[in-house]
PDB file of N, CA and C in Angstrom:
ATOM      1  N   UNK A   1       5.562   6.053 -26.970  1.00  0.00           N
ATOM      2  CA  UNK A   1       4.894   4.911 -26.586  1.00  0.00           C
ATOM      3  C   UNK A   1       3.455   5.296 -26.216  1.00  0.00           C
ATOM      4  N   UNK A   2       2.660   4.848 -26.400  1.00  0.00           N
ATOM      5  CA  UNK A   2       0.917   4.970 -26.042  1.00  0.00           C
ATOM      6  C   UNK A   2       0.535   4.479 -25.061  1.00  0.00           C
ATOM      7  N   UNK A   3      -0.194   5.304 -24.235  1.00  0.00           N
ATOM      8  CA  UNK A   3      -0.976   4.965 -23.341  1.00  0.00           C
ATOM      9  C   UNK A   3      -2.502   4.401 -23.009  1.00  0.00           C
ATOM     10  N   UNK A   4      -2.861   4.576 -24.456  1.00  0.00           N
ATOM     11  CA  UNK A   4      -4.172   4.595 -24.467  1.00  0.00           C
ATOM     12  C   UNK A   4      -5.071   3.722 -23.448  1.00  0.00           C
ATOM     13  N   UNK A   5      -5.950   4.086 -22.808  1.00  0.00           N
ATOM     14  CA  UNK A   5      -6.350   3.490 -21.961  1.00  0.00           C
ATOM     15  C   UNK A   5      -6.239   2.805 -21.006  1.00  0.00           C
ATOM     16  N   UNK A   6      -4.770   3.192 -20.272  1.00  0.00           N
ATOM     17  CA  UNK A   6      -3.847   2.361 -19.438  1.00  0.00           C
ATOM     18  C   UNK A   6      -4.478   3.126 -18.118  1.00  0.00           C
ATOM     19  N   UNK A   7      -4.903   2.508 -16.901  1.00  0.00           N
ATOM     20  CA  UNK A   7      -5.300   3.388 -15.543  1.00  0.00           C
ATOM     21  C   UNK A   7      -3.823   3.481 -15.102  1.00  0.00           C
ATOM     22  N   UNK A   8      -3.564   4.642 -14.592  1.00  0.00           N
ATOM     23  CA  UNK A   8      -2.415   5.018 -13.774  1.00  0.00           C
ATOM     24  C   UNK A   8      -2.894   5.600 -12.961  1.00  0.00           C
ATOM     25  N   UNK A   9      -2.388   5.188 -11.617  1.00  0.00           N
ATOM     26  CA  UNK A   9      -2.560   5.428 -10.284  1.00  0.00           C
ATOM     27  C   UNK A   9      -1.338   6.155  -9.968  1.00  0.00           C
ATOM     28  N   UNK A  10      -1.031   7.182  -9.453  1.00  0.00           N
ATOM     29  CA  UNK A  10       0.341   8.103  -9.286  1.00  0.00           C
ATOM     30  C   UNK A  10      -0.035   8.369  -7.957  1.00  0.00           C
ATOM     31  N   UNK A  11       0.803   7.823  -6.994  1.00  0.00           N
ATOM     32  CA  UNK A  11       1.223   8.272  -5.661  1.00  0.00           C
ATOM     33  C   UNK A  11       2.382   9.426  -5.790  1.00  0.00           C
ATOM     34  N   UNK A  12       1.524  10.525  -4.948  1.00  0.00           N
ATOM     35  CA  UNK A  12       2.552  11.646  -5.084  1.00  0.00           C
ATOM     36  C   UNK A  12       2.767  11.855  -3.378  1.00  0.00           C
ATOM     37  N   UNK A  13       4.166  11.484  -3.271  1.00  0.00           N
ATOM     38  CA  UNK A  13       5.168  11.963  -1.445  1.00  0.00           C
ATOM     39  C   UNK A  13       5.404  13.211  -1.418  1.00  0.00           C
ATOM     40  N   UNK A  14       5.552  13.602  -0.468  1.00  0.00           N
ATOM     41  CA  UNK A  14       6.134  14.846   0.167  1.00  0.00           C
ATOM     42  C   UNK A  14       7.809  15.489   0.042  1.00  0.00           C
ATOM     43  N   UNK A  15       8.149  15.339  -1.402  1.00  0.00           N
ATOM     44  CA  UNK A  15       9.465  15.399  -1.668  1.00  0.00           C
ATOM     45  C   UNK A  15       9.089  16.872  -2.431  1.00  0.00           C
ATOM     46  N   UNK A  16      10.175  17.669  -2.527  1.00  0.00           N
ATOM     47  CA  UNK A  16      10.323  18.678  -3.215  1.00  0.00           C
ATOM     48  C   UNK A  16       9.834  18.802  -4.443  1.00  0.00           C
ATOM     49  N   UNK A  17      10.185  17.618  -5.210  1.00  0.00           N
ATOM     50  CA  UNK A  17       9.794  17.029  -6.499  1.00  0.00           C
ATOM     51  C   UNK A  17       8.547  17.417  -6.790  1.00  0.00           C
ATOM     52  N   UNK A  18       7.710  17.464  -5.836  1.00  0.00           N
ATOM     53  CA  UNK A  18       5.957  16.982  -5.779  1.00  0.00           C
ATOM     54  C   UNK A  18       5.660  18.159  -6.651  1.00  0.00           C
ATOM     55  N   UNK A  19       6.081  18.995  -6.758  1.00  0.00           N
ATOM     56  CA  UNK A  19       5.657  20.272  -7.448  1.00  0.00           C
ATOM     57  C   UNK A  19       5.681  19.833  -8.974  1.00  0.00           C
ATOM     58  N   UNK A  20       6.139  19.070  -9.221  1.00  0.00           N
ATOM     59  CA  UNK A  20       6.342  18.468 -10.912  1.00  0.00           C
ATOM     60  C   UNK A  20       4.885  17.602 -11.116  1.00  0.00           C
ATOM     61  N   UNK A  21       4.169  17.229 -10.344  1.00  0.00           N
ATOM     62  CA  UNK A  21       3.166  15.940 -10.408  1.00  0.00           C
ATOM     63  C   UNK A  21       2.459  16.572 -11.471  1.00  0.00           C
ATOM     64  N   UNK A  22       1.931  17.986 -11.479  1.00  0.00           N
ATOM     65  CA  UNK A  22       1.028  18.052 -12.064  1.00  0.00           C
ATOM     66  C   UNK A  22       1.418  17.760 -13.959  1.00  0.00           C
ATOM     67  N   UNK A  23       2.733  18.333 -14.019  1.00  0.00           N
ATOM     68  CA  UNK A  23       3.113  17.959 -15.313  1.00  0.00           C
ATOM     69  C   UNK A  23       3.085  16.654 -16.203  1.00  0.00           C
ATOM     70  N   UNK A  24       3.727  15.801 -14.871  1.00  0.00           N
ATOM     71  CA  UNK A  24       3.801  14.694 -15.246  1.00  0.00           C
ATOM     72  C   UNK A  24       2.101  14.374 -15.372  1.00  0.00           C
ATOM     73  N   UNK A  25       0.942  14.485 -14.919  1.00  0.00           N
ATOM     74  CA  UNK A  25      -0.344  13.802 -15.288  1.00  0.00           C
ATOM     75  C   UNK A  25      -0.392  14.304 -16.366  1.00  0.00           C
ATOM     76  N   UNK A  26      -0.242  15.710 -16.818  1.00  0.00           N
ATOM     77  CA  UNK A  26      -0.395  16.050 -18.236  1.00  0.00           C
ATOM     78  C   UNK A  26       0.009  15.224 -19.258  1.00  0.00           C
ATOM     79  N   UNK A  27       1.437  14.941 -18.918  1.00  0.00           N
ATOM     80  CA  UNK A  27       1.992  13.893 -20.173  1.00  0.00           C
ATOM     81  C   UNK A  27       1.099  12.886 -19.913  1.00  0.00           C
ATOM     82  N   UNK A  28       0.980  12.482 -18.847  1.00  0.00           N
ATOM     83  CA  UNK A  28       0.580  10.779 -19.077  1.00  0.00           C
ATOM     84  C   UNK A  28      -0.922  10.997 -19.668  1.00  0.00           C
ATOM     85  N   UNK A  29      -1.789  11.774 -19.243  1.00  0.00           N
ATOM     86  CA  UNK A  29      -3.122  11.927 -20.091  1.00  0.00           C
ATOM     87  C   UNK A  29      -2.863  12.157 -21.491  1.00  0.00           C
ATOM     88  N   UNK A  30      -1.847  13.236 -22.114  1.00  0.00           N
ATOM     89  CA  UNK A  30      -1.549  13.515 -23.127  1.00  0.00           C
ATOM     90  C   UNK A  30      -1.074  12.318 -24.264  1.00  0.00           C
ATOM     91  N   UNK A  31      -0.352  11.208 -23.193  1.00  0.00           N
ATOM     92  CA  UNK A  31      -0.458  10.240 -23.730  1.00  0.00           C
ATOM     93  C   UNK A  31      -1.572   8.833 -24.045  1.00  0.00           C
ATOM     94  N   UNK A  32      -2.812   9.320 -23.504  1.00  0.00           N
ATOM     95  CA  UNK A  32      -3.820   8.447 -23.495  1.00  0.00           C
ATOM     96  C   UNK A  32      -4.326   8.200 -22.225  1.00  0.00           C
ATOM     97  N   UNK A  33      -3.574   7.673 -21.118  1.00  0.00           N
ATOM     98  CA  UNK A  33      -3.588   7.231 -19.972  1.00  0.00           C
ATOM     99  C   UNK A  33      -4.744   8.113 -19.232  1.00  0.00           C
ATOM    100  N   UNK A  34      -5.423   6.846 -18.558  1.00  0.00           N
ATOM    101  CA  UNK A  34      -6.304   7.845 -17.449  1.00  0.00           C
ATOM    102  C   UNK A  34      -5.641   7.540 -16.040  1.00  0.00           C
ATOM    103  N   UNK A  35      -5.600   8.798 -15.307  1.00  0.00           N
ATOM    104  CA  UNK A  35      -4.570   9.138 -14.400  1.00  0.00           C
ATOM    105  C   UNK A  35      -5.954   9.344 -12.899  1.00  0.00           C
ATOM    106  N   UNK A  36      -5.250   9.073 -12.173  1.00  0.00           N
ATOM    107  CA  UNK A  36      -6.151   9.344 -10.519  1.00  0.00           C
ATOM    108  C   UNK A  36      -4.756   9.632  -9.973  1.00  0.00           C
ATOM    109  N   UNK A  37      -5.081  10.088  -8.972  1.00  0.00           N
ATOM    110  CA  UNK A  37      -4.189  10.925  -8.064  1.00  0.00           C
ATOM    111  C   UNK A  37      -4.547  10.596  -6.560  1.00  0.00           C
ATOM    112  N   UNK A  38      -2.980   9.952  -5.987  1.00  0.00           N
ATOM    113  CA  UNK A  38      -2.952   9.723  -4.568  1.00  0.00           C
ATOM    114  C   UNK A  38      -2.216  10.675  -3.804  1.00  0.00           C
ATOM    115  N   UNK A  39      -2.520  11.463  -2.857  1.00  0.00           N
ATOM    116  CA  UNK A  39      -1.334  12.236  -1.881  1.00  0.00           C
ATOM    117  C   UNK A  39      -0.992  11.812  -0.866  1.00  0.00           C
ATOM    118  N   UNK A  40       0.085  11.897  -0.400  1.00  0.00           N
ATOM    119  CA  UNK A  40       0.584  11.569   1.033  1.00  0.00           C
ATOM    120  C   UNK A  40       0.009  12.698   2.058  1.00  0.00           C
ATOM    121  N   UNK A  41       0.247  12.339   3.103  1.00  0.00           N
ATOM    122  CA  UNK A  41      -0.397  13.389   3.992  1.00  0.00           C
ATOM    123  C   UNK A  41       0.980  14.591   3.757  1.00  0.00           C
ATOM    124  N   UNK A  42       1.856  14.732   3.427  1.00  0.00           N
ATOM    125  CA  UNK A  42       3.055  15.638   3.491  1.00  0.00           C
ATOM    126  C   UNK A  42       3.149  16.190   2.116  1.00  0.00           C
ATOM    127  N   UNK A  43       2.514  15.701   1.012  1.00  0.00           N
ATOM    128  CA  UNK A  43       2.848  16.198  -0.282  1.00  0.00           C
ATOM    129  C   UNK A  43       1.813  17.266  -0.345  1.00  0.00           C
ATOM    130  N   UNK A  44       0.972  17.909   0.274  1.00  0.00           N
ATOM    131  CA  UNK A  44       0.291  19.020   0.176  1.00  0.00           C
ATOM    132  C   UNK A  44       1.044  20.357   0.484  1.00  0.00           C
ATOM    133  N   UNK A  45       2.147  20.028   1.180  1.00  0.00           N
ATOM    134  CA  UNK A  45       2.996  21.348   1.440  1.00  0.00           C
ATOM    135  C   UNK A  45       3.572  21.614   0.108  1.00  0.00           C
ATOM    136  N   UNK A  46       3.690  20.829  -1.135  1.00  0.00           N
ATOM    137  CA  UNK A  46       4.337  20.952  -2.226  1.00  0.00           C
ATOM    138  C   UNK A  46       3.067  21.073  -3.215  1.00  0.00           C
ATOM    139  N   UNK A  47       2.002  20.391  -3.453  1.00  0.00           N
ATOM    140  CA  UNK A  47       1.096  20.531  -4.470  1.00  0.00           C
ATOM    141  C   UNK A  47      -0.428  20.490  -3.736  1.00  0.00           C
ATOM    142  N   UNK A  48      -1.125  20.989  -4.638  1.00  0.00           N
ATOM    143  CA  UNK A  48      -2.744  21.041  -4.234  1.00  0.00           C
ATOM    144  C   UNK A  48      -3.402  20.010  -5.037  1.00  0.00           C
ATOM    145  N   UNK A  49      -4.396  19.433  -4.255  1.00  0.00           N
ATOM    146  CA  UNK A  49      -5.461  18.559  -4.754  1.00  0.00           C
ATOM    147  C   UNK A  49      -6.078  19.319  -6.099  1.00  0.00           C
ATOM    148  N   UNK A  50      -6.406  20.550  -5.596  1.00  0.00           N
ATOM    149  CA  UNK A  50      -7.027  20.979  -6.922  1.00  0.00           C
ATOM    150  C   UNK A  50      -6.368  21.131  -8.070  1.00  0.00           C
ATOM    151  N   UNK A  51      -4.918  21.866  -8.381  1.00  0.00           N
ATOM    152  CA  UNK A  51      -4.393  21.407  -9.569  1.00  0.00           C
ATOM    153  C   UNK A  51      -4.355  20.175 -10.197  1.00  0.00           C
ATOM    154  N   UNK A  52      -4.223  19.198  -9.061  1.00  0.00           N
ATOM    155  CA  UNK A  52      -4.298  18.028  -9.477  1.00  0.00           C
ATOM    156  C   UNK A  52      -5.350  17.349 -10.441  1.00  0.00           C
ATOM    157  N   UNK A  53      -6.374  17.742  -9.456  1.00  0.00           N
ATOM    158  CA  UNK A  53      -7.765  17.402 -10.138  1.00  0.00           C
ATOM    159  C   UNK A  53      -7.792  17.868 -11.438  1.00  0.00           C
ATOM    160  N   UNK A  54      -7.790  19.130 -11.697  1.00  0.00           N
ATOM    161  CA  UNK A  54      -7.779  20.006 -12.909  1.00  0.00           C
ATOM    162  C   UNK A  54      -6.985  19.463 -14.005  1.00  0.00           C
ATOM    163  N   UNK A  55      -5.681  18.675 -13.927  1.00  0.00           N
ATOM    164  CA  UNK A  55      -4.985  18.520 -15.134  1.00  0.00           C
ATOM    165  C   UNK A  55      -5.538  16.675 -15.235  1.00  0.00           C
ATOM    166  N   UNK A  56      -5.914  16.109 -14.207  1.00  0.00           N
ATOM    167  CA  UNK A  56      -6.570  14.704 -14.301  1.00  0.00           C
ATOM    168  C   UNK A  56      -7.606  14.594 -14.813  1.00  0.00           C
ATOM    169  N   UNK A  57      -8.329  15.653 -14.315  1.00  0.00           N
ATOM    170  CA  UNK A  57     -10.086  15.115 -14.450  1.00  0.00           C
ATOM    171  C   UNK A  57     -11.089  14.096 -13.660  1.00  0.00           C
ATOM    172  N   UNK A  58      -9.706  13.920 -12.414  1.00  0.00           N
ATOM    173  CA  UNK A  58     -10.427  12.841 -11.470  1.00  0.00           C
ATOM    174  C   UNK A  58     -10.498  13.497 -10.033  1.00  0.00           C
ATOM    175  N   UNK A  59     -11.061  13.088  -9.079  1.00  0.00           N
ATOM    176  CA  UNK A  59     -11.142  13.520  -8.197  1.00  0.00           C
ATOM    177  C   UNK A  59      -9.513  12.997  -7.317  1.00  0.00           C
ATOM    178  N   UNK A  60      -9.188  13.692  -6.421  1.00  0.00           N
ATOM    179  CA  UNK A  60      -7.779  13.557  -5.853  1.00  0.00           C
ATOM    180  C   UNK A  60      -7.875  12.537  -4.719  1.00  0.00           C
ATOM    181  N   UNK A  61      -7.549  11.547  -4.296  1.00  0.00           N
ATOM    182  CA  UNK A  61      -7.351  11.036  -3.223  1.00  0.00           C
ATOM    183  C   UNK A  61      -6.285  11.115  -2.155  1.00  0.00           C
ATOM    184  N   UNK A  62      -7.051  11.569  -0.651  1.00  0.00           N
ATOM    185  CA  UNK A  62      -5.702  12.117   0.121  1.00  0.00           C
ATOM    186  C   UNK A  62      -5.946  10.803   1.279  1.00  0.00           C
ATOM    187  N   UNK A  63      -7.432  10.452   1.934  1.00  0.00           N
ATOM    188  CA  UNK A  63      -7.330  10.231   2.945  1.00  0.00           C
ATOM    189  C   UNK A  63      -7.673   8.513   3.137  1.00  0.00           C
ATOM    190  N   UNK A  64      -7.331   7.832   3.883  1.00  0.00           N
ATOM    191  CA  UNK A  64      -7.565   6.396   3.741  1.00  0.00           C
ATOM    192  C   UNK A  64      -8.877   5.992   4.109  1.00  0.00           C
ATOM    193  N   UNK A  65      -9.632   6.821   5.572  1.00  0.00           N
ATOM    194  CA  UNK A  65     -10.742   6.638   5.994  1.00  0.00           C
ATOM    195  C   UNK A  65     -11.833   7.511   5.413  1.00  0.00           C
ATOM    196  N   UNK A  66     -11.691   7.432   4.077  1.00  0.00           N
ATOM    197  CA  UNK A  66     -12.754   8.702   3.459  1.00  0.00           C
ATOM    198  C   UNK A  66     -14.012   8.347   3.474  1.00  0.00           C
ATOM    199  N   UNK A  67     -15.053   8.888   4.003  1.00  0.00           N
ATOM    200  CA  UNK A  67     -16.529   8.591   4.451  1.00  0.00           C
ATOM    201  C   UNK A  67     -17.269   8.307   3.334  1.00  0.00           C
ATOM    202  N   UNK A  68     -16.767   8.700   1.883  1.00  0.00           N
ATOM    203  CA  UNK A  68     -17.534   8.870   0.557  1.00  0.00           C
ATOM    204  C   UNK A  68     -16.854   7.725  -0.007  1.00  0.00           C
ATOM    205  N   UNK A  69     -15.835   6.937   0.784  1.00  0.00           N
ATOM    206  CA  UNK A  69     -15.235   5.722  -0.485  1.00  0.00           C
ATOM    207  C   UNK A  69     -16.129   4.509   0.014  1.00  0.00           C
ATOM    208  N   UNK A  70     -16.508   3.613  -1.086  1.00  0.00           N
ATOM    209  CA  UNK A  70     -17.608   2.637  -0.736  1.00  0.00           C
ATOM    210  C   UNK A  70     -17.101   2.140   0.451  1.00  0.00           C
ATOM    211  N   UNK A  71     -18.048   1.836   1.578  1.00  0.00           N
ATOM    212  CA  UNK A  71     -17.786   1.171   2.470  1.00  0.00           C
ATOM    213  C   UNK A  71     -16.547   1.320   3.106  1.00  0.00           C
ATOM    214  N   UNK A  72     -15.896   2.251   3.300  1.00  0.00           N
ATOM    215  CA  UNK A  72     -14.658   2.514   3.611  1.00  0.00           C
ATOM    216  C   UNK A  72     -13.662   1.749   3.174  1.00  0.00           C
ATOM    217  N   UNK A  73     -13.736   1.323   1.977  1.00  0.00           N
ATOM    218  CA  UNK A  73     -12.854   0.418   1.377  1.00  0.00           C
ATOM    219  C   UNK A  73     -12.102   0.925  -0.047  1.00  0.00           C
ATOM    220  N   UNK A  74     -12.305   2.165   0.084  1.00  0.00           N
ATOM    221  CA  UNK A  74     -11.557   3.023  -1.543  1.00  0.00           C
ATOM    222  C   UNK A  74     -10.193   2.684  -1.548  1.00  0.00           C
ATOM    223  N   UNK A  75      -9.650   1.943  -0.840  1.00  0.00           N
ATOM    224  CA  UNK A  75      -8.141   1.666  -1.496  1.00  0.00           C
ATOM    225  C   UNK A  75      -8.189   0.464  -2.112  1.00  0.00           C
ATOM    226  N   UNK A  76      -9.030  -0.455  -1.610  1.00  0.00           N
ATOM    227  CA  UNK A  76      -9.620  -1.681  -2.474  1.00  0.00           C
ATOM    228  C   UNK A  76     -10.150  -1.286  -3.980  1.00  0.00           C
ATOM    229  N   UNK A  77     -10.469  -0.502  -4.086  1.00  0.00           N
ATOM    230  CA  UNK A  77     -11.309   0.073  -5.157  1.00  0.00           C
ATOM    231  C   UNK A  77     -10.500   0.699  -6.609  1.00  0.00           C
ATOM    232  N   UNK A  78      -9.399   1.198  -5.669  1.00  0.00           N
ATOM    233  CA  UNK A  78      -8.318   2.281  -6.715  1.00  0.00           C
ATOM    234  C   UNK A  78      -7.170   1.078  -6.999  1.00  0.00           C
ATOM    235  N   UNK A  79      -7.027   0.139  -5.772  1.00  0.00           N
ATOM    236  CA  UNK A  79      -6.095  -1.081  -6.561  1.00  0.00           C
ATOM    237  C   UNK A  79      -6.455  -1.728  -7.399  1.00  0.00           C
ATOM    238  N   UNK A  80      -7.843  -2.128  -7.252  1.00  0.00           N
ATOM    239  CA  UNK A  80      -8.580  -3.095  -8.709  1.00  0.00           C
ATOM    240  C   UNK A  80      -8.579  -1.909  -9.608  1.00  0.00           C
ATOM    241  N   UNK A  81      -8.838  -0.871  -9.822  1.00  0.00           N
ATOM    242  CA  UNK A  81      -9.043  -0.128 -11.052  1.00  0.00           C
ATOM    243  C   UNK A  81      -7.579   0.393 -12.008  1.00  0.00           C
ATOM    244  N   UNK A  82      -6.509   0.288 -10.631  1.00  0.00           N
ATOM    245  CA  UNK A  82      -5.230   0.607 -11.465  1.00  0.00           C
ATOM    246  C   UNK A  82      -4.771  -0.706 -12.349  1.00  0.00           C
ATOM    247  N   UNK A  83      -3.955  -0.136 -13.289  1.00  0.00           N
ATOM    248  CA  UNK A  83      -3.083  -1.217 -14.196  1.00  0.00           C
ATOM    249  C   UNK A  83      -1.585  -0.720 -14.127  1.00  0.00           C
ATOM    250  N   UNK A  84      -1.184   0.324 -13.093  1.00  0.00           N
ATOM    251  CA  UNK A  84       0.039   0.516 -12.977  1.00  0.00           C
ATOM    252  C   UNK A  84       0.110   1.271 -11.739  1.00  0.00           C
ATOM    253  N   UNK A  85       0.634   1.353 -10.752  1.00  0.00           N
ATOM    254  CA  UNK A  85       0.871   2.165  -9.800  1.00  0.00           C
ATOM    255  C   UNK A  85       2.225   2.836  -9.734  1.00  0.00           C
ATOM    256  N   UNK A  86       2.357   4.101 -10.066  1.00  0.00           N
ATOM    257  CA  UNK A  86       3.593   5.151 -10.033  1.00  0.00           C
ATOM    258  C   UNK A  86       3.702   6.045  -8.764  1.00  0.00           C
ATOM    259  N   UNK A  87       4.619   5.902  -7.891  1.00  0.00           N
ATOM    260  CA  UNK A  87       5.052   6.780  -7.195  1.00  0.00           C
ATOM    261  C   UNK A  87       6.210   7.717  -7.431  1.00  0.00           C
ATOM    262  N   UNK A  88       6.046   8.913  -7.501  1.00  0.00           N
ATOM    263  CA  UNK A  88       6.649   9.997  -8.067  1.00  0.00           C
ATOM    264  C   UNK A  88       6.611  11.396  -7.680  1.00  0.00           C
ATOM    265  N   UNK A  89       7.007  12.035  -6.564  1.00  0.00           N
ATOM    266  CA  UNK A  89       8.366  11.572  -6.264  1.00  0.00           C
ATOM    267  C   UNK A  89       8.435  10.407  -5.196  1.00  0.00           C
ATOM    268  N   UNK A  90       9.105   9.557  -5.055  1.00  0.00           N
ATOM    269  CA  UNK A  90       8.912   8.649  -4.217  1.00  0.00           C
ATOM    270  C   UNK A  90      10.203   8.724  -2.970  1.00  0.00           C
ATOM    271  N   UNK A  91       9.538   9.263  -1.682  1.00  0.00           N
ATOM    272  CA  UNK A  91      10.761  10.095  -0.713  1.00  0.00           C
ATOM    273  C   UNK A  91      11.211   8.974   0.039  1.00  0.00           C
ATOM    274  N   UNK A  92      12.618   8.936   0.527  1.00  0.00           N
ATOM    275  CA  UNK A  92      12.888   8.054   1.157  1.00  0.00           C
ATOM    276  C   UNK A  92      12.293   7.408   2.422  1.00  0.00           C
ATOM    277  N   UNK A  93      11.333   8.313   2.819  1.00  0.00           N
ATOM    278  CA  UNK A  93      10.614   8.101   3.820  1.00  0.00           C
ATOM    279  C   UNK A  93       9.436   7.121   3.685  1.00  0.00           C
ATOM    280  N   UNK A  94       8.682   7.342   2.630  1.00  0.00           N
ATOM    281  CA  UNK A  94       7.829   6.111   1.929  1.00  0.00           C
ATOM    282  C   UNK A  94       8.482   5.070   1.510  1.00  0.00           C
ATOM    283  N   UNK A  95       9.645   5.032   0.691  1.00  0.00           N
ATOM    284  CA  UNK A  95      10.356   3.607   0.785  1.00  0.00           C
ATOM    285  C   UNK A  95      10.408   2.922   1.721  1.00  0.00           C
ATOM    286  N   UNK A  96      11.026   3.856   2.564  1.00  0.00           N
ATOM    287  CA  UNK A  96      11.331   2.955   4.479  1.00  0.00           C
ATOM    288  C   UNK A  96       9.915   2.270   4.663  1.00  0.00           C
ATOM    289  N   UNK A  97       8.737   3.266   4.483  1.00  0.00           N
ATOM    290  CA  UNK A  97       7.628   2.657   5.281  1.00  0.00           C
ATOM    291  C   UNK A  97       7.339   1.011   4.146  1.00  0.00           C
ATOM    292  N   UNK A  98       7.645   1.434   2.979  1.00  0.00           N
ATOM    293  CA  UNK A  98       7.065   0.160   2.119  1.00  0.00           C
ATOM    294  C   UNK A  98       7.784  -1.162   2.307  1.00  0.00           C
ATOM    295  N   UNK A  99       8.856  -0.888   2.398  1.00  0.00           N
ATOM    296  CA  UNK A  99      10.012  -1.815   2.764  1.00  0.00           C
ATOM    297  C   UNK A  99       9.693  -2.471   4.026  1.00  0.00           C
ATOM    298  N   UNK A 100       9.312  -1.684   5.425  1.00  0.00           N
ATOM    299  CA  UNK A 100       8.810  -2.475   6.584  1.00  0.00           C
ATOM    300  C   UNK A 100       7.389  -2.686   6.399  1.00  0.00           C
ATOM    301  N   UNK A 101       6.835  -2.840   5.506  1.00  0.00           N
ATOM    302  CA  UNK A 101       5.663  -3.073   5.461  1.00  0.00           C
ATOM    303  C   UNK A 101       4.464  -2.247   6.183  1.00  0.00           C
ATOM    304  N   UNK A 102       4.873  -1.158   6.256  1.00  0.00           N
ATOM    305  CA  UNK A 102       3.997  -0.388   6.821  1.00  0.00           C
ATOM    306  C   UNK A 102       2.722   0.407   5.977  1.00  0.00           C
ATOM    307  N   UNK A 103       1.669   0.382   6.597  1.00  0.00           N
ATOM    308  CA  UNK A 103       0.724   0.928   5.866  1.00  0.00           C
ATOM    309  C   UNK A 103      -0.353   1.826   6.531  1.00  0.00           C
ATOM    310  N   UNK A 104      -0.081   3.002   7.159  1.00  0.00           N
ATOM    311  CA  UNK A 104      -0.424   3.982   7.957  1.00  0.00           C
ATOM    312  C   UNK A 104      -1.373   5.074   7.288  1.00  0.00           C
ATOM    313  N   UNK A 105      -1.071   5.093   5.959  1.00  0.00           N
ATOM    314  CA  UNK A 105      -1.745   6.083   5.113  1.00  0.00           C
ATOM    315  C   UNK A 105      -2.586   5.498   3.709  1.00  0.00           C
ATOM    316  N   UNK A 106      -3.197   6.078   3.173  1.00  0.00           N
ATOM    317  CA  UNK A 106      -3.503   5.627   1.913  1.00  0.00           C
ATOM    318  C   UNK A 106      -3.074   5.121   0.937  1.00  0.00           C
ATOM    319  N   UNK A 107      -2.038   5.703   0.577  1.00  0.00           N
ATOM    320  CA  UNK A 107      -1.081   5.309  -0.551  1.00  0.00           C
ATOM    321  C   UNK A 107       0.022   4.487   0.122  1.00  0.00           C
ATOM    322  N   UNK A 108       0.383   4.272   1.274  1.00  0.00           N
ATOM    323  CA  UNK A 108       0.905   3.098   1.260  1.00  0.00           C
ATOM    324  C   UNK A 108       0.216   1.603   2.070  1.00  0.00           C
ATOM    325  N   UNK A 109      -1.158   1.830   1.743  1.00  0.00           N
ATOM    326  CA  UNK A 109      -1.882   0.910   1.857  1.00  0.00           C
ATOM    327  C   UNK A 109      -2.569   0.283   0.542  1.00  0.00           C
ATOM    328  N   UNK A 110      -2.738   1.378  -0.195  1.00  0.00           N
ATOM    329  CA  UNK A 110      -2.619   0.917  -1.739  1.00  0.00           C
ATOM    330  C   UNK A 110      -1.846   0.054  -2.477  1.00  0.00           C
ATOM    331  N   UNK A 111      -0.379   0.365  -1.659  1.00  0.00           N
ATOM    332  CA  UNK A 111       0.533  -0.483  -2.253  1.00  0.00           C
ATOM    333  C   UNK A 111       0.561  -1.973  -1.861  1.00  0.00           C
ATOM    334  N   UNK A 112       0.112  -2.044  -0.926  1.00  0.00           N
ATOM    335  CA  UNK A 112       0.345  -3.528  -0.185  1.00  0.00           C
ATOM    336  C   UNK A 112      -1.201  -4.091  -0.423  1.00  0.00           C
ATOM    337  N   UNK A 113      -2.147  -3.285  -1.175  1.00  0.00           N
ATOM    338  CA  UNK A 113      -3.427  -4.207  -1.686  1.00  0.00           C
ATOM    339  C   UNK A 113      -3.261  -4.420  -3.044  1.00  0.00           C
ATOM    340  N   UNK A 114      -2.265  -3.797  -3.689  1.00  0.00           N
ATOM    341  CA  UNK A 114      -2.062  -4.202  -5.088  1.00  0.00           C
ATOM    342  C   UNK A 114      -1.115  -5.387  -5.273  1.00  0.00           C
TER     343      UNK A 114
END
C-alpha cells in the first residue's frame, strides 16, 4: 500500500512502546508519506525529539503554546496539514482524556481540532 504524498501526523504518547516510534516513522516515510510528529509531555521519557526529527525530516512538535508557532495557533495549522492523525502508542491515559473531551496538551488539542 503506497502512501505517496499522504500527510501523516503521528502522535506519540508516554507508553513503553514509544521507543518504536522512530521505526514507525521510517516505515511510513518509506511508503512515501510525509510525517510530522507530536510528542505528549510524558513521551520524552521513552523517545527523543532529535531521533524522530532525524527519521521524519521535520521538526518535532511538543508544546501547545509554542512561541514559534504562527500566532500561537500551531495546533490548527497542524490539524489542517494532516490527512491522517495516528496516535501510536495510545496510552489509556490519553484515550481517557480524549473520551472526556480534555484538551490540555498539544496532542489532545490537535485531536479536537481535526
